[in-house]
Amino acid sequence: MSRKCDICGKGTISGHSVPRKGLPKKKGGAGQHIGVKSKRLFKPNLVKVKALVGGKSTAMKVCTRCLKAGKVVKA
């Protein structure tokens, strides 16, 4: 199974990890310097849940946002 929510389809997204050095100007520094950006992955917060689908209980991978919103009926 892929790393995706079975309800909303939220999955892994790629992005950058940005290291910053120095104190920002707002805080009285000379400004921040951004270093070399490296690739990283943002993974969804998934939970394995037994849920009722069409009257039957099935195992699903659901993100915690869908659980909190009440989109899933636990079995």
N, C-alpha and C. Protein backbone atom coordinates (compact mmCIF):
# COMPACT_ATOMS: atom_id res chain seq x y z
N MET A 1 0.83 -1.19 0.00
CA MET A 1 0.00 0.00 0.00
C MET A 1 0.88 1.25 0.00
N SER A 2 0.39 2.28 -0.66
CA SER A 2 1.15 3.52 -0.71
C SER A 2 0.92 4.34 0.55
N ARG A 3 1.73 5.35 0.73
CA ARG A 3 1.61 6.22 1.89
C ARG A 3 0.63 7.35 1.56
N LYS A 4 -0.66 7.00 1.50
CA LYS A 4 -1.72 7.94 1.17
C LYS A 4 -2.92 7.70 2.06
N CYS A 5 -3.66 8.78 2.32
CA CYS A 5 -4.91 8.66 3.07
C CYS A 5 -5.96 8.08 2.13
N ASP A 6 -6.70 7.08 2.61
CA ASP A 6 -7.71 6.44 1.78
C ASP A 6 -8.95 7.32 1.60
N ILE A 7 -9.10 8.37 2.40
CA ILE A 7 -10.28 9.22 2.30
C ILE A 7 -10.01 10.48 1.49
N CYS A 8 -9.03 11.27 1.91
CA CYS A 8 -8.80 12.56 1.23
C CYS A 8 -7.70 12.49 0.17
N GLY A 9 -6.88 11.42 0.18
CA GLY A 9 -5.84 11.28 -0.83
C GLY A 9 -4.54 12.02 -0.52
N LYS A 10 -4.42 12.52 0.71
CA LYS A 10 -3.20 13.23 1.09
C LYS A 10 -2.02 12.26 1.06
N GLY A 11 -0.91 12.69 0.46
CA GLY A 11 0.25 11.82 0.33
C GLY A 11 1.55 12.54 0.61
N THR A 12 2.66 11.91 0.26
CA THR A 12 3.99 12.47 0.48
C THR A 12 4.26 13.60 -0.50
N ILE A 13 4.83 14.69 0.01
CA ILE A 13 5.18 15.85 -0.81
C ILE A 13 6.66 16.13 -0.63
N SER A 14 7.35 16.49 -1.73
CA SER A 14 8.76 16.81 -1.62
C SER A 14 8.94 18.31 -1.47
N GLY A 15 10.03 18.68 -0.81
CA GLY A 15 10.34 20.09 -0.60
C GLY A 15 11.81 20.25 -0.26
N HIS A 16 12.15 21.36 0.37
CA HIS A 16 13.53 21.65 0.72
C HIS A 16 13.68 21.84 2.23
N SER A 17 14.85 21.45 2.73
CA SER A 17 15.26 21.78 4.08
C SER A 17 16.20 22.97 3.94
N VAL A 18 15.84 24.11 4.55
CA VAL A 18 16.59 25.35 4.36
C VAL A 18 17.30 25.75 5.64
N PRO A 19 18.63 25.57 5.71
CA PRO A 19 19.36 26.01 6.91
C PRO A 19 19.58 27.51 6.88
N ARG A 20 19.36 28.17 8.03
CA ARG A 20 19.54 29.62 8.11
C ARG A 20 20.55 29.96 9.20
N LYS A 21 21.45 30.90 8.91
CA LYS A 21 22.45 31.34 9.88
C LYS A 21 22.28 32.84 10.10
N GLY A 22 22.57 33.27 11.29
CA GLY A 22 22.54 34.69 11.60
C GLY A 22 21.24 35.12 12.26
N LEU A 23 21.30 36.27 12.90
CA LEU A 23 20.13 36.84 13.57
C LEU A 23 19.35 37.70 12.58
N PRO A 24 18.02 37.54 12.52
CA PRO A 24 17.24 38.35 11.57
C PRO A 24 17.30 39.84 11.90
N LYS A 25 17.07 40.67 10.90
CA LYS A 25 17.11 42.13 11.08
C LYS A 25 16.05 42.60 12.07
N LYS A 26 14.89 41.91 12.08
CA LYS A 26 13.83 42.27 13.02
C LYS A 26 14.30 42.19 14.47
N LYS A 27 15.21 41.26 14.73
CA LYS A 27 15.70 41.05 16.10
C LYS A 27 17.02 41.77 16.36
N GLY A 28 17.40 42.68 15.47
CA GLY A 28 18.59 43.49 15.70
C GLY A 28 19.87 42.94 15.11
N GLY A 29 19.77 41.94 14.24
CA GLY A 29 20.97 41.35 13.64
C GLY A 29 21.27 41.97 12.28
N ALA A 30 22.29 41.42 11.63
CA ALA A 30 22.71 41.91 10.32
C ALA A 30 21.92 41.26 9.18
N GLY A 31 21.07 40.29 9.49
CA GLY A 31 20.29 39.60 8.47
C GLY A 31 20.68 38.14 8.40
N GLN A 32 19.78 37.34 7.86
CA GLN A 32 20.02 35.90 7.79
C GLN A 32 20.66 35.52 6.46
N HIS A 33 21.50 34.49 6.52
CA HIS A 33 22.09 33.92 5.31
C HIS A 33 21.51 32.52 5.13
N ILE A 34 21.03 32.22 3.93
CA ILE A 34 20.47 30.90 3.64
C ILE A 34 21.56 30.04 3.03
N GLY A 35 21.75 28.86 3.61
CA GLY A 35 22.78 27.94 3.13
C GLY A 35 22.28 27.14 1.95
N VAL A 36 22.92 26.01 1.70
CA VAL A 36 22.57 25.13 0.57
C VAL A 36 21.29 24.37 0.92
N LYS A 37 20.28 24.47 0.05
CA LYS A 37 19.02 23.78 0.29
C LYS A 37 19.18 22.31 -0.09
N SER A 38 18.72 21.42 0.79
CA SER A 38 18.76 20.00 0.48
C SER A 38 17.33 19.46 0.41
N LYS A 39 17.13 18.44 -0.40
CA LYS A 39 15.80 17.86 -0.60
C LYS A 39 15.36 17.10 0.64
N ARG A 40 14.05 17.14 0.92
CA ARG A 40 13.47 16.37 2.00
C ARG A 40 12.04 16.00 1.64
N LEU A 41 11.43 15.13 2.45
CA LEU A 41 10.06 14.69 2.22
C LEU A 41 9.17 15.08 3.39
N PHE A 42 7.98 15.58 3.07
CA PHE A 42 6.96 15.86 4.07
C PHE A 42 5.96 14.71 4.00
N LYS A 43 5.89 13.92 5.08
CA LYS A 43 5.03 12.74 5.08
C LYS A 43 3.75 13.00 5.89
N PRO A 44 2.61 12.47 5.42
CA PRO A 44 1.36 12.68 6.16
C PRO A 44 1.31 11.83 7.43
N ASN A 45 0.56 12.29 8.40
CA ASN A 45 0.39 11.58 9.67
C ASN A 45 -0.73 10.56 9.49
N LEU A 46 -0.37 9.31 9.16
CA LEU A 46 -1.35 8.27 8.88
C LEU A 46 -1.49 7.30 10.05
N VAL A 47 -2.72 6.80 10.22
CA VAL A 47 -3.03 5.84 11.27
C VAL A 47 -3.80 4.70 10.64
N LYS A 48 -3.45 3.45 11.02
CA LYS A 48 -4.22 2.30 10.55
C LYS A 48 -5.45 2.16 11.43
N VAL A 49 -6.64 2.16 10.79
CA VAL A 49 -7.91 2.15 11.52
C VAL A 49 -8.83 1.11 10.90
N LYS A 50 -9.59 0.42 11.76
CA LYS A 50 -10.67 -0.43 11.25
C LYS A 50 -11.92 0.43 11.19
N ALA A 51 -12.44 0.62 9.99
CA ALA A 51 -13.58 1.52 9.79
C ALA A 51 -14.73 0.79 9.13
N LEU A 52 -15.94 1.31 9.34
CA LEU A 52 -17.13 0.75 8.72
C LEU A 52 -17.32 1.37 7.33
N VAL A 53 -17.27 0.50 6.31
CA VAL A 53 -17.49 0.95 4.93
C VAL A 53 -18.55 0.05 4.33
N GLY A 54 -19.71 0.60 4.06
CA GLY A 54 -20.81 -0.19 3.49
C GLY A 54 -21.30 -1.29 4.41
N GLY A 55 -21.23 -1.06 5.73
CA GLY A 55 -21.71 -2.05 6.69
C GLY A 55 -20.67 -3.09 7.08
N LYS A 56 -19.50 -3.09 6.44
CA LYS A 56 -18.43 -4.04 6.77
C LYS A 56 -17.25 -3.29 7.35
N SER A 57 -16.52 -3.95 8.25
CA SER A 57 -15.32 -3.31 8.81
C SER A 57 -14.12 -3.68 7.95
N THR A 58 -13.39 -2.66 7.52
CA THR A 58 -12.19 -2.85 6.72
C THR A 58 -11.05 -2.04 7.31
N ALA A 59 -9.81 -2.52 7.11
CA ALA A 59 -8.64 -1.80 7.59
C ALA A 59 -8.28 -0.72 6.57
N MET A 60 -8.07 0.50 7.06
CA MET A 60 -7.76 1.63 6.18
C MET A 60 -6.61 2.43 6.77
N LYS A 61 -5.90 3.14 5.89
CA LYS A 61 -4.92 4.13 6.32
C LYS A 61 -5.59 5.49 6.20
N VAL A 62 -5.72 6.18 7.34
CA VAL A 62 -6.44 7.45 7.37
C VAL A 62 -5.56 8.49 8.03
N CYS A 63 -5.53 9.71 7.47
CA CYS A 63 -4.77 10.78 8.10
C CYS A 63 -5.52 11.27 9.34
N THR A 64 -4.77 11.81 10.29
CA THR A 64 -5.36 12.22 11.56
C THR A 64 -6.32 13.39 11.38
N ARG A 65 -6.15 14.18 10.35
CA ARG A 65 -7.07 15.30 10.09
C ARG A 65 -8.46 14.77 9.74
N CYS A 66 -8.53 13.69 8.94
CA CYS A 66 -9.82 13.08 8.60
C CYS A 66 -10.46 12.43 9.83
N LEU A 67 -9.64 11.81 10.69
CA LEU A 67 -10.17 11.21 11.92
C LEU A 67 -10.77 12.27 12.82
N LYS A 68 -10.07 13.39 12.98
CA LYS A 68 -10.53 14.46 13.86
C LYS A 68 -11.80 15.12 13.33
N ALA A 69 -11.91 15.20 11.98
CA ALA A 69 -13.08 15.82 11.36
C ALA A 69 -14.31 14.92 11.40
N GLY A 70 -14.12 13.64 11.75
CA GLY A 70 -15.25 12.73 11.84
C GLY A 70 -15.66 12.15 10.50
N LYS A 71 -14.76 12.09 9.54
CA LYS A 71 -15.06 11.54 8.21
C LYS A 71 -15.05 10.01 8.23
N VAL A 72 -14.58 9.41 9.33
CA VAL A 72 -14.46 7.95 9.44
C VAL A 72 -15.28 7.48 10.63
N VAL A 73 -16.00 6.38 10.44
CA VAL A 73 -16.73 5.74 11.54
C VAL A 73 -15.92 4.51 11.94
N LYS A 74 -15.36 4.54 13.15
CA LYS A 74 -14.54 3.42 13.60
C LYS A 74 -15.40 2.21 13.90
N ALA A 75 -14.82 1.02 13.63
CA ALA A 75 -15.54 -0.23 13.88
C ALA A 75 -15.11 -0.83 15.20
